[in-house]
Amino acid sequence: MENLMSKLTVAMVCVGTLFLASCSEIDPLPLAQSSFNVATSSPERNLPVKFENLSTNAAKYLWNFGDSSETSTEIAPIHTYEESGEFIVSLTAITNDDQVHTESKLITIGERYLTGMYIININMKDGNEKPWDSDGTGPDVLMQFGPVDFESEDEIEGFFVNSLNVGNFQTPIGISTDDVLSENYKLTDEDFFIILEEVDTVKGEPVLQKMIELIFNPRIVNGESITEIKREDGTGDLTIPFIVLDEYQFFLEFEVR
């Protein structure tokens, strides 16, 4: 009888030991689920691209942007691509016990192409507070646009001139690249100019008076990168506004592709 009790005691001790051992094991954490979106509309070369992290059950993150840059461990990083094209972006979500899950997406980094230019507001009087046209029909405007370092007016891909009439003081007036340019007129990081001149005819010859000249970077306005500003009642989705002395207001219309 004593021998049987000893055996039962040993068995109970073994079972208790196994139970305690099994309970001491750490249960695995819930699996991480990696997920993200590109938060920047129409991402472009050399402009910041924001990423939105939608992952769950993760404690750490590892981003690979698909270019030659270093990886990032930020939760929601901002990254700038130096080249345009297609890139595979990967986000790896990691739990505290090092379980991982990775999501990858193909994103396109585009370039900015001009599609139109518009004058929204214009000063109808010259510097002497006299109407540009004495007959009251509104100024005949010669608009010039191009990079500041153009070499010749014959370079139509880098320079153009277009005549506009502000008849009855009606604005906006403007042009589209379908009128004077190819659809591949790229807005680069260099400085461009806009010149407006009022055209009068004196004794059969044109006489020009400069109304306004603006030199600007079509990708950076007032020190900030402009990626998407929608013009109310505009003809396109992406526009850049320029206001000079509250008297002249321009819009450059563009698309990213």
Foldseek 3Di string as FASTA:
>chain_A
DVVVVVVVVVVVVVVVVVVVVVVPDDDDFDAKDWDKDFPDPQAAAQAKTKIGTPIPQADWKWKDWQDPDHIDTDRIDIDHHNDWAKGKIKMWGAHPVGHIDMDIDIDTHWFKWFWKKKWAFAAQAAPVRHGLDPVPQGFWKKKKKFFPPDDDCVPLLGIDIDIDGCGPVDDTDIDTCVVRHDRRNTQDQGKMKIWIWTWDADPNRTDTDTRDMDIDRLQADPNHGADADQDVVDPAGGWDWDADPVGIIMITDIHID
